[in-house]
Amino acid sequence: MLRSILVALDGSESSTRASEVALELASQHGAHLEGLGIVNSGWIQRPEPVPIGGIAIKAALDLSRLGTARERVDRVLQEFKAQVAKAGISSHVERLKATLCSS
């Protein structure tokens, strides 16, 4: 018997399918559903080679990409909340900012 389900949401095709499966399982088993929106800032702002004088341009581009990713994940979370509410499933939805760990 399932009591709770955690699904990662980032707007990708695989996360969309995972949310569909999670909704179906939660409906069948009366499980609580946790939706976790993930913005991987470490990946977006990862170090990479830039031409001389390009650091400022890369920083601005990274901030733009980060904003776009946040907007996409927020939109995905709102859609997920609407689907969960429509299905009448107990849920909690949250957005996380993931960062890369350096060793």
PDB file of N, CA and C in Angstrom:
ATOM      1  N   MET A   1       0.838  -1.183   0.000  1.00  0.00           N
ATOM      2  CA  MET A   1       0.000   0.000   0.000  1.00  0.00           C
ATOM      3  C   MET A   1       0.878   1.239   0.000  1.00  0.00           C
ATOM      4  N   LEU A   2       0.625   2.139  -0.921  1.00  0.00           N
ATOM      5  CA  LEU A   2       1.373   3.395  -1.003  1.00  0.00           C
ATOM      6  C   LEU A   2       0.747   4.428  -0.074  1.00  0.00           C
ATOM      7  N   ARG A   3       1.586   5.098   0.713  1.00  0.00           N
ATOM      8  CA  ARG A   3       1.085   6.153   1.600  1.00  0.00           C
ATOM      9  C   ARG A   3       1.449   7.531   1.082  1.00  0.00           C
ATOM     10  N   SER A   4       2.616   7.643   0.435  1.00  0.00           N
ATOM     11  CA  SER A   4       3.019   8.919  -0.152  1.00  0.00           C
ATOM     12  C   SER A   4       3.900   8.677  -1.372  1.00  0.00           C
ATOM     13  N   ILE A   5       3.883   9.651  -2.280  1.00  0.00           N
ATOM     14  CA  ILE A   5       4.640   9.562  -3.521  1.00  0.00           C
ATOM     15  C   ILE A   5       5.350  10.897  -3.724  1.00  0.00           C
ATOM     16  N   LEU A   6       6.635  10.833  -4.064  1.00  0.00           N
ATOM     17  CA  LEU A   6       7.421  12.020  -4.370  1.00  0.00           C
ATOM     18  C   LEU A   6       7.731  12.011  -5.856  1.00  0.00           C
ATOM     19  N   VAL A   7       7.426  13.120  -6.531  1.00  0.00           N
ATOM     20  CA  VAL A   7       7.715  13.217  -7.961  1.00  0.00           C
ATOM     21  C   VAL A   7       8.480  14.513  -8.220  1.00  0.00           C
ATOM     22  N   ALA A   8       9.582  14.391  -8.988  1.00  0.00           N
ATOM     23  CA  ALA A   8      10.393  15.551  -9.362  1.00  0.00           C
ATOM     24  C   ALA A   8       9.805  16.169 -10.627  1.00  0.00           C
ATOM     25  N   LEU A   9       9.678  17.493 -10.618  1.00  0.00           N
ATOM     26  CA  LEU A   9       9.057  18.211 -11.728  1.00  0.00           C
ATOM     27  C   LEU A   9      10.018  19.268 -12.261  1.00  0.00           C
ATOM     28  N   ASP A  10      10.359  19.163 -13.551  1.00  0.00           N
ATOM     29  CA  ASP A  10      11.230  20.173 -14.148  1.00  0.00           C
ATOM     30  C   ASP A  10      10.764  20.603 -15.538  1.00  0.00           C
ATOM     31  N   GLY A  11       9.657  20.063 -15.977  1.00  0.00           N
ATOM     32  CA  GLY A  11       9.131  20.431 -17.286  1.00  0.00           C
ATOM     33  C   GLY A  11       9.600  19.545 -18.421  1.00  0.00           C
ATOM     34  N   SER A  12      10.476  18.602 -18.140  1.00  0.00           N
ATOM     35  CA  SER A  12      10.951  17.694 -19.190  1.00  0.00           C
ATOM     36  C   SER A  12       9.861  16.673 -19.517  1.00  0.00           C
ATOM     37  N   GLU A  13      10.031  16.000 -20.639  1.00  0.00           N
ATOM     38  CA  GLU A  13       9.068  14.977 -21.055  1.00  0.00           C
ATOM     39  C   GLU A  13       8.985  13.850 -20.023  1.00  0.00           C
ATOM     40  N   SER A  14      10.147  13.451 -19.483  1.00  0.00           N
ATOM     41  CA  SER A  14      10.143  12.359 -18.506  1.00  0.00           C
ATOM     42  C   SER A  14       9.479  12.780 -17.197  1.00  0.00           C
ATOM     43  N   SER A  15       9.651  14.036 -16.772  1.00  0.00           N
ATOM     44  CA  SER A  15       8.994  14.462 -15.530  1.00  0.00           C
ATOM     45  C   SER A  15       7.486  14.622 -15.728  1.00  0.00           C
ATOM     46  N   THR A  16       7.089  14.985 -16.936  1.00  0.00           N
ATOM     47  CA  THR A  16       5.657  15.074 -17.237  1.00  0.00           C
ATOM     48  C   THR A  16       5.024  13.691 -17.150  1.00  0.00           C
ATOM     49  N   ARG A  17       5.676  12.705 -17.721  1.00  0.00           N
ATOM     50  CA  ARG A  17       5.164  11.329 -17.656  1.00  0.00           C
ATOM     51  C   ARG A  17       5.177  10.815 -16.219  1.00  0.00           C
ATOM     52  N   ALA A  18       6.233  11.147 -15.470  1.00  0.00           N
ATOM     53  CA  ALA A  18       6.313  10.720 -14.066  1.00  0.00           C
ATOM     54  C   ALA A  18       5.177  11.322 -13.250  1.00  0.00           C
ATOM     55  N   SER A  19       4.825  12.574 -13.519  1.00  0.00           N
ATOM     56  CA  SER A  19       3.725  13.199 -12.776  1.00  0.00           C
ATOM     57  C   SER A  19       2.388  12.543 -13.124  1.00  0.00           C
ATOM     58  N   GLU A  20       2.215  12.125 -14.386  1.00  0.00           N
ATOM     59  CA  GLU A  20       0.991  11.422 -14.780  1.00  0.00           C
ATOM     60  C   GLU A  20       0.870  10.091 -14.037  1.00  0.00           C
ATOM     61  N   VAL A  21       1.984   9.361 -13.978  1.00  0.00           N
ATOM     62  CA  VAL A  21       1.989   8.072 -13.278  1.00  0.00           C
ATOM     63  C   VAL A  21       1.744   8.284 -11.786  1.00  0.00           C
ATOM     64  N   ALA A  22       2.384   9.300 -11.205  1.00  0.00           N
ATOM     65  CA  ALA A  22       2.211   9.583  -9.780  1.00  0.00           C
ATOM     66  C   ALA A  22       0.758   9.943  -9.463  1.00  0.00           C
ATOM     67  N   LEU A  23       0.131  10.741 -10.314  1.00  0.00           N
ATOM     68  CA  LEU A  23      -1.280  11.097 -10.113  1.00  0.00           C
ATOM     69  C   LEU A  23      -2.172   9.862 -10.170  1.00  0.00           C
ATOM     70  N   GLU A  24      -1.891   9.003 -11.127  1.00  0.00           N
ATOM     71  CA  GLU A  24      -2.684   7.777 -11.268  1.00  0.00           C
ATOM     72  C   GLU A  24      -2.527   6.875 -10.037  1.00  0.00           C
ATOM     73  N   LEU A  25      -1.288   6.681  -9.606  1.00  0.00           N
ATOM     74  CA  LEU A  25      -1.038   5.845  -8.432  1.00  0.00           C
ATOM     75  C   LEU A  25      -1.645   6.444  -7.167  1.00  0.00           C
ATOM     76  N   ALA A  26      -1.516   7.756  -7.002  1.00  0.00           N
ATOM     77  CA  ALA A  26      -2.082   8.411  -5.823  1.00  0.00           C
ATOM     78  C   ALA A  26      -3.602   8.270  -5.802  1.00  0.00           C
ATOM     79  N   SER A  27      -4.226   8.354  -6.962  1.00  0.00           N
ATOM     80  CA  SER A  27      -5.684   8.177  -7.047  1.00  0.00           C
ATOM     81  C   SER A  27      -6.087   6.756  -6.678  1.00  0.00           C
ATOM     82  N   GLN A  28      -5.353   5.788  -7.179  1.00  0.00           N
ATOM     83  CA  GLN A  28      -5.677   4.378  -6.932  1.00  0.00           C
ATOM     84  C   GLN A  28      -5.482   3.988  -5.477  1.00  0.00           C
ATOM     85  N   HIS A  29      -4.456   4.542  -4.839  1.00  0.00           N
ATOM     86  CA  HIS A  29      -4.093   4.097  -3.495  1.00  0.00           C
ATOM     87  C   HIS A  29      -4.433   5.088  -2.388  1.00  0.00           C
ATOM     88  N   GLY A  30      -4.998   6.234  -2.750  1.00  0.00           N
ATOM     89  CA  GLY A  30      -5.305   7.253  -1.754  1.00  0.00           C
ATOM     90  C   GLY A  30      -4.047   7.814  -1.097  1.00  0.00           C
ATOM     91  N   ALA A  31      -2.968   7.878  -1.848  1.00  0.00           N
ATOM     92  CA  ALA A  31      -1.683   8.322  -1.318  1.00  0.00           C
ATOM     93  C   ALA A  31      -1.549   9.837  -1.355  1.00  0.00           C
ATOM     94  N   HIS A  32      -0.740  10.363  -0.456  1.00  0.00           N
ATOM     95  CA  HIS A  32      -0.381  11.783  -0.441  1.00  0.00           C
ATOM     96  C   HIS A  32       0.676  11.996  -1.526  1.00  0.00           C
ATOM     97  N   LEU A  33       0.590  13.095  -2.252  1.00  0.00           N
ATOM     98  CA  LEU A  33       1.488  13.353  -3.372  1.00  0.00           C
ATOM     99  C   LEU A  33       2.347  14.584  -3.099  1.00  0.00           C
ATOM    100  N   GLU A  34       3.665  14.409  -3.196  1.00  0.00           N
ATOM    101  CA  GLU A  34       4.624  15.497  -3.032  1.00  0.00           C
ATOM    102  C   GLU A  34       5.202  15.830  -4.397  1.00  0.00           C
ATOM    103  N   GLY A  35       5.047  17.069  -4.833  1.00  0.00           N
ATOM    104  CA  GLY A  35       5.639  17.518  -6.088  1.00  0.00           C
ATOM    105  C   GLY A  35       6.802  18.436  -5.787  1.00  0.00           C
ATOM    106  N   LEU A  36       7.959  18.149  -6.357  1.00  0.00           N
ATOM    107  CA  LEU A  36       9.161  18.916  -6.078  1.00  0.00           C
ATOM    108  C   LEU A  36       9.684  19.497  -7.384  1.00  0.00           C
ATOM    109  N   GLY A  37       9.582  20.817  -7.531  1.00  0.00           N
ATOM    110  CA  GLY A  37      10.109  21.498  -8.705  1.00  0.00           C
ATOM    111  C   GLY A  37      11.588  21.767  -8.512  1.00  0.00           C
ATOM    112  N   ILE A  38      12.399  21.422  -9.493  1.00  0.00           N
ATOM    113  CA  ILE A  38      13.841  21.523  -9.335  1.00  0.00           C
ATOM    114  C   ILE A  38      14.437  22.461 -10.383  1.00  0.00           C
ATOM    115  N   VAL A  39      15.174  23.465  -9.891  1.00  0.00           N
ATOM    116  CA  VAL A  39      15.959  24.350 -10.743  1.00  0.00           C
ATOM    117  C   VAL A  39      17.418  24.087 -10.398  1.00  0.00           C
ATOM    118  N   ASN A  40      18.157  23.521 -11.318  1.00  0.00           N
ATOM    119  CA  ASN A  40      19.547  23.153 -11.064  1.00  0.00           C
ATOM    120  C   ASN A  40      20.463  24.318 -11.415  1.00  0.00           C
ATOM    121  N   SER A  41      20.616  25.241 -10.470  1.00  0.00           N
ATOM    122  CA  SER A  41      21.424  26.428 -10.720  1.00  0.00           C
ATOM    123  C   SER A  41      22.900  26.088 -10.918  1.00  0.00           C
ATOM    124  N   GLY A  42      23.365  25.037 -10.267  1.00  0.00           N
ATOM    125  CA  GLY A  42      24.750  24.625 -10.442  1.00  0.00           C
ATOM    126  C   GLY A  42      25.063  24.234 -11.876  1.00  0.00           C
ATOM    127  N   TRP A  43      24.118  23.608 -12.534  1.00  0.00           N
ATOM    128  CA  TRP A  43      24.307  23.207 -13.930  1.00  0.00           C
ATOM    129  C   TRP A  43      24.209  24.422 -14.845  1.00  0.00           C
ATOM    130  N   ILE A  44      23.251  25.289 -14.569  1.00  0.00           N
ATOM    131  CA  ILE A  44      23.051  26.478 -15.405  1.00  0.00           C
ATOM    132  C   ILE A  44      24.252  27.417 -15.300  1.00  0.00           C
ATOM    133  N   GLN A  45      24.803  27.571 -14.092  1.00  0.00           N
ATOM    134  CA  GLN A  45      25.909  28.499 -13.870  1.00  0.00           C
ATOM    135  C   GLN A  45      27.260  27.788 -13.799  1.00  0.00           C
ATOM    136  N   ARG A  46      27.364  26.642 -14.435  1.00  0.00           N
ATOM    137  CA  ARG A  46      28.596  25.857 -14.375  1.00  0.00           C
ATOM    138  C   ARG A  46      29.747  26.608 -15.050  1.00  0.00           C
ATOM    139  N   PRO A  47      30.949  26.355 -14.566  1.00  0.00           N
ATOM    140  CA  PRO A  47      32.116  26.963 -15.214  1.00  0.00           C
ATOM    141  C   PRO A  47      32.287  26.417 -16.627  1.00  0.00           C
ATOM    142  N   GLU A  48      32.623  27.275 -17.530  1.00  0.00           N
ATOM    143  CA  GLU A  48      32.913  26.857 -18.896  1.00  0.00           C
ATOM    144  C   GLU A  48      33.823  27.903 -19.535  1.00  0.00           C
ATOM    145  N   PRO A  49      34.576  27.514 -20.553  1.00  0.00           N
ATOM    146  CA  PRO A  49      35.496  28.475 -21.172  1.00  0.00           C
ATOM    147  C   PRO A  49      34.740  29.592 -21.882  1.00  0.00           C
ATOM    148  N   VAL A  50      35.264  30.796 -21.720  1.00  0.00           N
ATOM    149  CA  VAL A  50      34.694  31.959 -22.409  1.00  0.00           C
ATOM    150  C   VAL A  50      35.852  32.751 -23.011  1.00  0.00           C
ATOM    151  N   PRO A  51      35.594  33.507 -24.067  1.00  0.00           N
ATOM    152  CA  PRO A  51      36.666  34.311 -24.652  1.00  0.00           C
ATOM    153  C   PRO A  51      37.087  35.436 -23.691  1.00  0.00           C
ATOM    154  N   ILE A  52      38.227  36.016 -23.953  1.00  0.00           N
ATOM    155  CA  ILE A  52      38.713  37.130 -23.128  1.00  0.00           C
ATOM    156  C   ILE A  52      37.640  38.220 -23.093  1.00  0.00           C
ATOM    157  N   GLY A  53      37.324  38.669 -21.894  1.00  0.00           N
ATOM    158  CA  GLY A  53      36.308  39.712 -21.723  1.00  0.00           C
ATOM    159  C   GLY A  53      34.884  39.182 -21.719  1.00  0.00           C
ATOM    160  N   GLY A  54      34.723  37.882 -21.793  1.00  0.00           N
ATOM    161  CA  GLY A  54      33.384  37.309 -21.886  1.00  0.00           C
ATOM    162  C   GLY A  54      32.750  36.936 -20.561  1.00  0.00           C
ATOM    163  N   ILE A  55      33.450  37.140 -19.454  1.00  0.00           N
ATOM    164  CA  ILE A  55      32.917  36.723 -18.150  1.00  0.00           C
ATOM    165  C   ILE A  55      31.629  37.466 -17.815  1.00  0.00           C
ATOM    166  N   ALA A  56      31.582  38.755 -18.077  1.00  0.00           N
ATOM    167  CA  ALA A  56      30.378  39.539 -17.766  1.00  0.00           C
ATOM    168  C   ALA A  56      29.197  39.089 -18.633  1.00  0.00           C
ATOM    169  N   ILE A  57      29.476  38.783 -19.876  1.00  0.00           N
ATOM    170  CA  ILE A  57      28.415  38.328 -20.782  1.00  0.00           C
ATOM    171  C   ILE A  57      27.905  36.965 -20.330  1.00  0.00           C
ATOM    172  N   LYS A  58      28.819  36.062 -19.937  1.00  0.00           N
ATOM    173  CA  LYS A  58      28.407  34.749 -19.445  1.00  0.00           C
ATOM    174  C   LYS A  58      27.570  34.892 -18.181  1.00  0.00           C
ATOM    175  N   ALA A  59      27.964  35.770 -17.272  1.00  0.00           N
ATOM    176  CA  ALA A  59      27.208  35.973 -16.031  1.00  0.00           C
ATOM    177  C   ALA A  59      25.792  36.463 -16.337  1.00  0.00           C
ATOM    178  N   ALA A  60      25.666  37.402 -17.262  1.00  0.00           N
ATOM    179  CA  ALA A  60      24.343  37.909 -17.639  1.00  0.00           C
ATOM    180  C   ALA A  60      23.510  36.817 -18.310  1.00  0.00           C
ATOM    181  N   LEU A  61      24.134  36.031 -19.167  1.00  0.00           N
ATOM    182  CA  LEU A  61      23.439  34.938 -19.840  1.00  0.00           C
ATOM    183  C   LEU A  61      22.988  33.886 -18.829  1.00  0.00           C
ATOM    184  N   ASP A  62      23.866  33.565 -17.866  1.00  0.00           N
ATOM    185  CA  ASP A  62      23.508  32.604 -16.814  1.00  0.00           C
ATOM    186  C   ASP A  62      22.295  33.080 -16.015  1.00  0.00           C
ATOM    187  N   LEU A  63      22.274  34.353 -15.657  1.00  0.00           N
ATOM    188  CA  LEU A  63      21.139  34.900 -14.900  1.00  0.00           C
ATOM    189  C   LEU A  63      19.853  34.835 -15.714  1.00  0.00           C
ATOM    190  N   SER A  64      19.964  35.103 -17.007  1.00  0.00           N
ATOM    191  CA  SER A  64      18.794  35.009 -17.876  1.00  0.00           C
ATOM    192  C   SER A  64      18.281  33.572 -17.952  1.00  0.00           C
ATOM    193  N   ARG A  65      19.198  32.618 -18.121  1.00  0.00           N
ATOM    194  CA  ARG A  65      18.818  31.203 -18.182  1.00  0.00           C
ATOM    195  C   ARG A  65      18.213  30.730 -16.865  1.00  0.00           C
ATOM    196  N   LEU A  66      18.780  31.211 -15.762  1.00  0.00           N
ATOM    197  CA  LEU A  66      18.261  30.853 -14.443  1.00  0.00           C
ATOM    198  C   LEU A  66      16.833  31.374 -14.266  1.00  0.00           C
ATOM    199  N   GLY A  67      16.593  32.598 -14.694  1.00  0.00           N
ATOM    200  CA  GLY A  67      15.243  33.163 -14.624  1.00  0.00           C
ATOM    201  C   GLY A  67      14.258  32.388 -15.478  1.00  0.00           C
ATOM    202  N   THR A  68      14.684  32.002 -16.676  1.00  0.00           N
ATOM    203  CA  THR A  68      13.829  31.221 -17.570  1.00  0.00           C
ATOM    204  C   THR A  68      13.503  29.860 -16.956  1.00  0.00           C
ATOM    205  N   ALA A  69      14.507  29.222 -16.353  1.00  0.00           N
ATOM    206  CA  ALA A  69      14.292  27.910 -15.718  1.00  0.00           C
ATOM    207  C   ALA A  69      13.326  28.035 -14.546  1.00  0.00           C
ATOM    208  N   ARG A  70      13.482  29.071 -13.737  1.00  0.00           N
ATOM    209  CA  ARG A  70      12.565  29.282 -12.606  1.00  0.00           C
ATOM    210  C   ARG A  70      11.130  29.491 -13.084  1.00  0.00           C
ATOM    211  N   GLU A  71      10.970  30.302 -14.132  1.00  0.00           N
ATOM    212  CA  GLU A  71       9.632  30.551 -14.679  1.00  0.00           C
ATOM    213  C   GLU A  71       9.010  29.251 -15.193  1.00  0.00           C
ATOM    214  N   ARG A  72       9.810  28.441 -15.905  1.00  0.00           N
ATOM    215  CA  ARG A  72       9.305  27.170 -16.434  1.00  0.00           C
ATOM    216  C   ARG A  72       8.879  26.237 -15.308  1.00  0.00           C
ATOM    217  N   VAL A  73       9.707  26.115 -14.285  1.00  0.00           N
ATOM    218  CA  VAL A  73       9.381  25.226 -13.166  1.00  0.00           C
ATOM    219  C   VAL A  73       8.176  25.754 -12.397  1.00  0.00           C
ATOM    220  N   ASP A  74       8.073  27.056 -12.209  1.00  0.00           N
ATOM    221  CA  ASP A  74       6.900  27.620 -11.535  1.00  0.00           C
ATOM    222  C   ASP A  74       5.622  27.318 -12.316  1.00  0.00           C
ATOM    223  N   ARG A  75       5.701  27.422 -13.641  1.00  0.00           N
ATOM    224  CA  ARG A  75       4.546  27.110 -14.500  1.00  0.00           C
ATOM    225  C   ARG A  75       4.174  25.633 -14.383  1.00  0.00           C
ATOM    226  N   VAL A  76       5.182  24.762 -14.389  1.00  0.00           N
ATOM    227  CA  VAL A  76       4.950  23.323 -14.250  1.00  0.00           C
ATOM    228  C   VAL A  76       4.302  23.023 -12.895  1.00  0.00           C
ATOM    229  N   LEU A  77       4.777  23.677 -11.836  1.00  0.00           N
ATOM    230  CA  LEU A  77       4.209  23.452 -10.503  1.00  0.00           C
ATOM    231  C   LEU A  77       2.752  23.909 -10.425  1.00  0.00           C
ATOM    232  N   GLN A  78       2.439  25.033 -11.050  1.00  0.00           N
ATOM    233  CA  GLN A  78       1.049  25.504 -11.054  1.00  0.00           C
ATOM    234  C   GLN A  78       0.141  24.520 -11.795  1.00  0.00           C
ATOM    235  N   GLU A  79       0.610  24.014 -12.920  1.00  0.00           N
ATOM    236  CA  GLU A  79      -0.169  23.019 -13.668  1.00  0.00           C
ATOM    237  C   GLU A  79      -0.361  21.751 -12.842  1.00  0.00           C
ATOM    238  N   PHE A  80       0.701  21.329 -12.157  1.00  0.00           N
ATOM    239  CA  PHE A  80       0.635  20.135 -11.317  1.00  0.00           C
ATOM    240  C   PHE A  80      -0.361  20.342 -10.173  1.00  0.00           C
ATOM    241  N   LYS A  81      -0.312  21.519  -9.528  1.00  0.00           N
ATOM    242  CA  LYS A  81      -1.263  21.831  -8.447  1.00  0.00           C
ATOM    243  C   LYS A  81      -2.707  21.750  -8.954  1.00  0.00           C
ATOM    244  N   ALA A  82      -2.933  22.275 -10.147  1.00  0.00           N
ATOM    245  CA  ALA A  82      -4.281  22.250 -10.720  1.00  0.00           C
ATOM    246  C   ALA A  82      -4.738  20.817 -10.980  1.00  0.00           C
ATOM    247  N   GLN A  83      -3.855  19.980 -11.505  1.00  0.00           N
ATOM    248  CA  GLN A  83      -4.207  18.580 -11.778  1.00  0.00           C
ATOM    249  C   GLN A  83      -4.505  17.830 -10.486  1.00  0.00           C
ATOM    250  N   VAL A  84      -3.690  18.075  -9.471  1.00  0.00           N
ATOM    251  CA  VAL A  84      -3.873  17.400  -8.183  1.00  0.00           C
ATOM    252  C   VAL A  84      -5.186  17.840  -7.536  1.00  0.00           C
ATOM    253  N   ALA A  85      -5.462  19.135  -7.591  1.00  0.00           N
ATOM    254  CA  ALA A  85      -6.712  19.650  -7.009  1.00  0.00           C
ATOM    255  C   ALA A  85      -7.922  19.070  -7.734  1.00  0.00           C
ATOM    256  N   LYS A  86      -7.828  19.001  -9.062  1.00  0.00           N
ATOM    257  CA  LYS A  86      -8.928  18.449  -9.853  1.00  0.00           C
ATOM    258  C   LYS A  86      -9.200  16.991  -9.488  1.00  0.00           C
ATOM    259  N   ALA A  87      -8.107  16.251  -9.200  1.00  0.00           N
ATOM    260  CA  ALA A  87      -8.244  14.835  -8.844  1.00  0.00           C
ATOM    261  C   ALA A  87      -8.623  14.649  -7.374  1.00  0.00           C
ATOM    262  N   GLY A  88      -8.568  15.729  -6.594  1.00  0.00           N
ATOM    263  CA  GLY A  88      -8.922  15.638  -5.178  1.00  0.00           C
ATOM    264  C   GLY A  88      -7.903  14.871  -4.348  1.00  0.00           C
ATOM    265  N   ILE A  89      -6.638  14.999  -4.691  1.00  0.00           N
ATOM    266  CA  ILE A  89      -5.572  14.261  -4.010  1.00  0.00           C
ATOM    267  C   ILE A  89      -4.876  15.177  -3.008  1.00  0.00           C
ATOM    268  N   SER A  90      -4.562  14.640  -1.838  1.00  0.00           N
ATOM    269  CA  SER A  90      -3.789  15.360  -0.834  1.00  0.00           C
ATOM    270  C   SER A  90      -2.384  15.595  -1.372  1.00  0.00           C
ATOM    271  N   SER A  91      -1.885  16.837  -1.251  1.00  0.00           N
ATOM    272  CA  SER A  91      -0.579  17.099  -1.848  1.00  0.00           C
ATOM    273  C   SER A  91       0.154  18.253  -1.171  1.00  0.00           C
ATOM    274  N   HIS A  92       1.428  18.341  -1.493  1.00  0.00           N
ATOM    275  CA  HIS A  92       2.280  19.463  -1.129  1.00  0.00           C
ATOM    276  C   HIS A  92       3.219  19.680  -2.305  1.00  0.00           C
ATOM    277  N   VAL A  93       3.389  20.940  -2.726  1.00  0.00           N
ATOM    278  CA  VAL A  93       4.229  21.250  -3.879  1.00  0.00           C
ATOM    279  C   VAL A  93       5.231  22.326  -3.471  1.00  0.00           C
ATOM    280  N   GLU A  94       6.481  22.146  -3.885  1.00  0.00           N
ATOM    281  CA  GLU A  94       7.535  23.084  -3.509  1.00  0.00           C
ATOM    282  C   GLU A  94       8.589  23.147  -4.603  1.00  0.00           C
ATOM    283  N   ARG A  95       9.252  24.319  -4.708  1.00  0.00           N
ATOM    284  CA  ARG A  95      10.351  24.479  -5.672  1.00  0.00           C
ATOM    285  C   ARG A  95      11.666  24.502  -4.916  1.00  0.00           C
ATOM    286  N   LEU A  96      12.653  23.742  -5.409  1.00  0.00           N
ATOM    287  CA  LEU A  96      13.994  23.694  -4.830  1.00  0.00           C
ATOM    288  C   LEU A  96      15.008  24.259  -5.819  1.00  0.00           C
ATOM    289  N   LYS A  97      16.039  24.836  -5.261  1.00  0.00           N
ATOM    290  CA  LYS A  97      17.177  25.275  -6.070  1.00  0.00           C
ATOM    291  C   LYS A  97      18.295  24.293  -5.796  1.00  0.00           C
ATOM    292  N   ALA A  98      18.617  23.461  -6.758  1.00  0.00           N
ATOM    293  CA  ALA A  98      19.672  22.467  -6.586  1.00  0.00           C
ATOM    294  C   ALA A  98      21.001  23.062  -7.056  1.00  0.00           C
ATOM    295  N   THR A  99      22.059  22.726  -6.351  1.00  0.00           N
ATOM    296  CA  THR A  99      23.386  23.174  -6.756  1.00  0.00           C
ATOM    297  C   THR A  99      24.307  21.965  -6.856  1.00  0.00           C
ATOM    298  N   LEU A 100      25.304  22.091  -7.678  1.00  0.00           N
ATOM    299  CA  LEU A 100      26.268  21.011  -7.826  1.00  0.00           C
ATOM    300  C   LEU A 100      27.195  20.990  -6.625  1.00  0.00           C
ATOM    301  N   CYS A 101      27.543  19.816  -6.180  1.00  0.00           N
ATOM    302  CA  CYS A 101      28.494  19.666  -5.089  1.00  0.00           C
ATOM    303  C   CYS A 101      29.885  19.527  -5.676  1.00  0.00           C
ATOM    304  N   SER A 102      30.830  20.269  -5.130  1.00  0.00           N
ATOM    305  CA  SER A 102      32.199  20.102  -5.590  1.00  0.00           C
ATOM    306  C   SER A 102      32.960  19.239  -4.605  1.00  0.00           C
ATOM    307  N   SER A 103      33.812  18.374  -5.134  1.00  0.00           N
ATOM    308  CA  SER A 103      34.554  17.499  -4.230  1.00  0.00           C
ATOM    309  C   SER A 103      35.998  17.908  -4.161  1.00  0.00           C
TER     310      SER A 103
END
